[in-house]
Protein backbone atom coordinates (compact mmCIF):
# COMPACT_ATOMS: atom_id res chain seq x y z
CA MET A 1 32.95 39.54 46.47
CA SER A 2 35.93 40.22 44.47
CA LEU A 3 36.94 40.19 41.23
CA LYS A 4 38.27 36.85 41.10
CA SER A 5 35.57 34.98 42.54
CA PHE A 6 32.89 37.08 40.25
CA ILE A 7 34.59 35.75 37.23
CA GLY A 8 35.13 32.40 38.72
CA ARG A 9 31.13 32.37 38.98
CA ILE A 10 30.73 33.42 35.70
CA SER A 11 32.49 30.89 34.22
CA LEU A 12 31.04 28.40 36.53
CA ARG A 13 27.85 29.59 35.40
CA ARG A 14 28.58 28.73 31.69
CA ARG A 15 30.04 25.37 32.62
CA LEU A 16 26.55 24.88 33.81
CA LYS A 17 24.78 25.56 30.81
CA GLN A 18 27.19 23.35 28.75
CA MET A 19 26.61 20.53 31.48
CA THR A 20 23.85 17.86 30.57
CA PRO A 21 23.76 15.55 33.35
CA ALA A 22 22.78 11.66 33.06
CA THR A 23 19.94 10.10 34.79
CA LEU A 24 20.69 8.27 37.25
CA ASN A 25 19.00 4.82 39.16
CA PHE A 26 19.89 5.22 42.58
CA PRO A 27 20.78 2.69 44.34
CA GLY A 28 21.89 0.81 42.07
CA ALA A 29 24.22 3.43 40.51
CA LEU A 30 26.65 3.00 43.30
CA THR A 31 26.93 -0.89 42.58
CA GLY A 32 29.21 -0.79 39.83
CA THR A 33 31.85 1.81 40.63
CA LYS A 34 35.07 1.42 39.23
CA GLN A 35 37.00 4.69 39.91
CA VAL A 36 36.34 6.63 42.65
CA LEU A 37 37.81 10.06 43.21
CA VAL A 38 37.48 11.62 46.54
CA CYS A 39 37.95 15.72 46.84
CA LEU A 40 39.62 16.64 49.86
CA PRO A 41 39.67 19.54 52.26
CA GLY A 42 42.08 22.04 52.13
CA GLY A 43 42.31 22.84 55.89
CA LEU A 44 45.32 20.48 57.74
CA LYS A 45 42.54 19.77 60.42
CA GLU A 46 40.26 18.48 58.02
CA LEU A 47 42.77 16.50 55.99
CA THR A 48 43.25 14.84 59.39
CA ILE A 49 39.88 14.10 59.78
CA VAL A 50 38.91 12.68 56.58
CA LYS A 51 41.98 10.70 56.89
CA GLN A 52 40.81 8.51 59.56
CA PHE A 53 37.89 7.65 57.19
CA LEU A 54 40.19 6.14 54.29
CA PRO A 55 39.75 2.67 55.82
CA THR A 56 35.63 2.87 55.47
CA ILE A 57 35.92 4.74 51.99
CA LYS A 58 38.21 1.68 50.92
CA GLU A 59 35.55 -0.96 52.25
CA ILE A 60 32.69 0.65 51.04
CA PHE A 61 33.54 1.02 47.34
CA LYS A 62 35.77 -2.47 47.13
CA PRO A 63 37.25 -3.42 44.97
CA ALA A 64 37.26 0.34 42.89
CA VAL A 65 40.27 2.01 42.45
CA ILE A 66 39.95 4.98 45.07
CA THR A 67 41.57 8.44 44.20
CA LEU A 68 42.54 10.87 46.14
CA MET A 69 42.41 14.49 45.41
CA PRO A 70 43.82 17.42 47.67
CA MET A 71 43.23 20.99 47.04
CA PRO A 72 45.43 22.97 44.45
CA GLY A 73 48.93 23.66 45.80
CA VAL A 74 48.14 21.27 48.88
CA ARG A 75 50.95 18.40 49.34
CA VAL A 76 49.24 15.20 51.34
CA ASN A 77 52.13 12.77 49.88
CA ASP A 78 53.75 12.83 53.84
CA ILE A 79 50.15 12.52 55.55
CA TYR A 80 48.22 10.07 53.93
CA PRO A 81 49.47 6.53 52.88
CA ARG A 82 49.88 5.58 49.51
CA LYS A 83 49.21 1.75 49.86
CA GLY A 84 45.75 1.28 48.46
CA PHE A 85 45.62 5.01 47.07
CA ASN A 86 46.19 6.75 44.75
CA ILE A 87 46.75 10.47 44.62
CA LEU A 88 46.40 13.10 42.46
CA SER A 89 48.02 16.28 43.51
CA PRO A 90 47.31 19.52 41.21
CA THR A 91 49.61 21.99 41.45
CA LEU A 92 49.15 26.05 41.17
CA ASN A 93 49.58 25.91 37.39
CA GLN A 94 46.73 23.66 37.10
CA VAL A 95 44.40 26.27 38.22
CA THR A 96 43.33 29.29 36.28
CA TRP A 97 43.90 32.84 37.87
CA ALA A 98 39.66 32.77 38.77
CA GLY A 99 40.59 29.50 40.89
CA LEU A 100 39.19 27.13 38.11
CA PRO A 101 40.62 23.71 37.07
CA ARG A 102 42.28 24.49 33.92
CA ARG A 103 41.21 22.16 30.85
CA ASN A 104 43.91 20.37 30.42
CA TYR A 105 43.72 19.26 33.88
CA VAL A 106 40.26 18.51 33.56
CA LYS A 107 40.86 16.13 30.63
CA SER A 108 43.44 14.69 32.01
CA LEU A 109 40.95 13.55 35.05
CA GLN A 110 38.41 12.74 32.84
CA ASP A 111 40.61 9.88 30.81
CA LEU A 112 40.95 8.54 33.97
CA GLU A 113 36.91 7.73 33.64
CA PHE A 114 36.05 8.21 37.26
CA ASP A 115 32.30 7.36 38.09
CA MET A 116 32.06 8.65 40.93
CA LEU A 117 33.33 11.83 42.83
CA LEU A 118 33.02 12.03 46.81
CA ASP A 119 33.79 15.61 47.66
CA LEU A 120 34.27 15.89 51.23
CA ASN A 121 35.24 19.64 51.50
CA PHE A 122 33.82 21.21 54.34
CA GLU A 123 33.83 24.97 52.48
CA GLN A 124 33.03 26.17 48.93
CA SER A 125 35.94 25.39 46.47
CA MET A 126 35.77 27.35 43.01
CA PHE A 127 38.42 24.26 42.09
CA VAL A 128 36.12 21.19 43.07
CA SER A 129 32.99 22.69 41.52
CA GLY A 130 34.47 22.99 38.12
CA ILE A 131 35.54 19.55 38.83
CA LEU A 132 31.97 18.21 39.58
CA LEU A 133 30.66 20.15 36.84
CA SER A 134 33.08 18.30 34.27
CA PHE A 135 31.79 14.40 35.33
CA PRO A 136 27.83 14.97 33.89
CA GLU A 137 27.76 11.04 33.51
CA ALA A 138 29.81 10.50 37.19
CA VAL A 139 27.75 9.88 40.77
CA ARG A 140 28.53 13.19 42.43
CA VAL A 141 27.87 12.97 45.99
CA GLY A 142 28.08 15.73 48.55
CA ARG A 143 27.08 16.98 52.02
CA GLY A 144 23.57 18.57 51.80
CA SER A 145 22.84 22.28 52.04
CA PHE A 146 26.10 22.54 50.72
CA LEU A 147 26.51 23.25 46.75
CA GLY A 148 23.27 21.46 46.14
CA LYS A 149 21.31 19.92 43.04
CA PRO A 150 23.96 20.94 39.84
CA TYR A 151 27.30 19.99 41.33
CA TYR A 152 25.51 17.08 43.04
CA ASN A 153 23.48 14.15 41.87
CA LEU A 154 23.40 12.28 45.50
CA GLU A 155 22.91 15.14 48.41
CA ILE A 156 23.32 13.45 51.70
CA ARG A 157 22.17 15.71 54.47
CA THR A 158 23.21 15.28 58.21
CA ARG A 159 21.80 16.53 61.65
CA TYR A 160 25.39 17.88 62.09
CA LEU A 161 26.18 21.42 61.33
CA ARG A 162 29.99 22.19 62.11
CA ASP A 163 31.25 18.64 63.74
CA GLU A 164 33.32 17.98 60.65
CA ARG A 165 33.86 14.24 62.23
CA ASN A 166 30.11 13.71 62.70
CA ILE A 167 29.70 14.93 59.16
CA CYS A 168 31.85 12.79 57.44
CA ARG A 169 30.89 9.22 59.60
CA SER A 170 27.58 9.85 58.73
CA LEU A 171 28.06 11.07 55.42
CA LEU A 172 30.15 7.35 54.36
CA GLN A 173 27.36 5.55 57.38
CA THR A 174 24.59 6.60 54.97
CA LEU A 175 26.55 5.66 51.26
CA GLU A 176 26.96 2.73 53.12
CA LYS A 177 23.41 2.01 53.44
CA ILE A 178 22.28 3.11 50.01
CA LYS A 179 25.28 0.75 48.49
CA GLY A 180 23.37 -2.30 50.93
CA ALA A 181 20.36 -1.87 49.92
CA ALA A 182 21.41 -2.18 46.50
CA ILE A 183 22.92 -5.39 47.02
CA ALA A 184 20.28 -6.64 49.37
CA PRO A 185 18.82 -9.74 47.79
CA PRO A 186 14.91 -8.78 46.47
CA GLY A 187 11.71 -9.19 48.76
CA GLY A 188 13.74 -8.42 51.77
CA GLY A 189 15.28 -12.04 52.63
CA SER A 190 17.40 -12.38 56.14
CA ASN A 191 20.93 -12.38 55.51
CA GLY A 192 21.84 -14.13 58.91
CA GLN A 193 22.06 -10.76 61.03
């Protein structure tokens, strides 16, 4: 473990102690989303995989405003379409020495009032972990057996371990089913299917 990661972990533990997570009612918490922040992975291969699922994300959370946030220093304006999405590209100046987001960057994100964060990373990131801890009132969704409870309040496990495409597909299909269950009429009435 390097000195940077050691200091980063200490800072994350301090932020974790300051955070008081909200009590959410699932699946109802997914129905009223207005602002969604999608945390993109850092690798080019993973970015191209996630790009395939952008229409699905848009459809699941319609009419919410969807904002894409790549890893610091990664420019995605050339490979990601701007149509229908906002892109917030953090610069390296918005990251601390230990890899955490700076307070002014977190404040600017909090001003946008995201009520849902969707973490599509396949590797742990101090930066994304710091962002997740900065939104205790939001629904924070991630894949199972990854970061866990203090960072996510909805953790979706898949049977896939290393297949990034199927992990994304499974995560989004599960979200769609959970959200569909919240919208379904009470009493299990038929909707014509």
